[in-house]
Protein backbone atom coordinates (compact mmCIF):
# COMPACT_ATOMS: atom_id res chain seq x y z
CA UNK A 1 38.13 -86.42 -104.02
CA UNK A 2 39.29 -84.76 -100.81
CA UNK A 3 40.16 -81.48 -102.46
CA UNK A 4 37.15 -81.42 -104.76
CA UNK A 5 39.07 -82.24 -107.93
CA UNK A 6 37.31 -85.57 -108.52
CA UNK A 7 33.67 -86.35 -109.16
CA UNK A 8 33.15 -89.98 -108.09
CA UNK A 9 30.31 -92.03 -109.49
CA UNK A 10 27.57 -93.37 -107.27
CA UNK A 11 29.05 -96.82 -107.74
CA UNK A 12 32.44 -95.63 -106.48
CA UNK A 13 30.78 -94.04 -103.44
CA UNK A 14 28.98 -97.33 -102.73
CA UNK A 15 32.28 -99.21 -102.87
CA UNK A 16 33.91 -96.70 -100.50
CA UNK A 17 30.96 -96.91 -98.10
CA UNK A 18 31.05 -100.72 -98.04
CA UNK A 19 34.79 -100.62 -97.43
CA UNK A 20 34.12 -98.47 -94.38
CA UNK A 21 31.33 -100.76 -93.18
CA UNK A 22 28.65 -98.17 -93.93
CA UNK A 23 25.65 -97.95 -96.21
CA UNK A 24 25.64 -95.42 -99.03
CA UNK A 25 23.27 -93.18 -97.09
CA UNK A 26 25.21 -93.48 -93.83
CA UNK A 27 28.32 -92.27 -95.64
CA UNK A 28 26.45 -89.34 -97.17
CA UNK A 29 25.06 -88.44 -93.73
CA UNK A 30 28.58 -88.44 -92.28
CA UNK A 31 29.87 -86.24 -95.10
CA UNK A 32 26.98 -83.81 -94.57
CA UNK A 33 27.71 -83.69 -90.83
CA UNK A 34 31.41 -82.98 -91.43
CA UNK A 35 30.58 -80.18 -93.87
CA UNK A 36 28.18 -78.64 -91.35
CA UNK A 37 30.80 -78.88 -88.59
CA UNK A 38 33.44 -77.29 -90.81
CA UNK A 39 31.16 -74.38 -91.65
CA UNK A 40 30.74 -73.62 -87.94
CA UNK A 41 34.47 -73.04 -87.49
């Protein structure tokens, strides 16, 4: 997933989020923030 070679299902993303103690939407917000930060570099 990190290098863009995988396309996880929504269910897999939910499992990852729960494992991190986040909601699905909190995880997506964090990913969006990281992408925005990376584009500023």
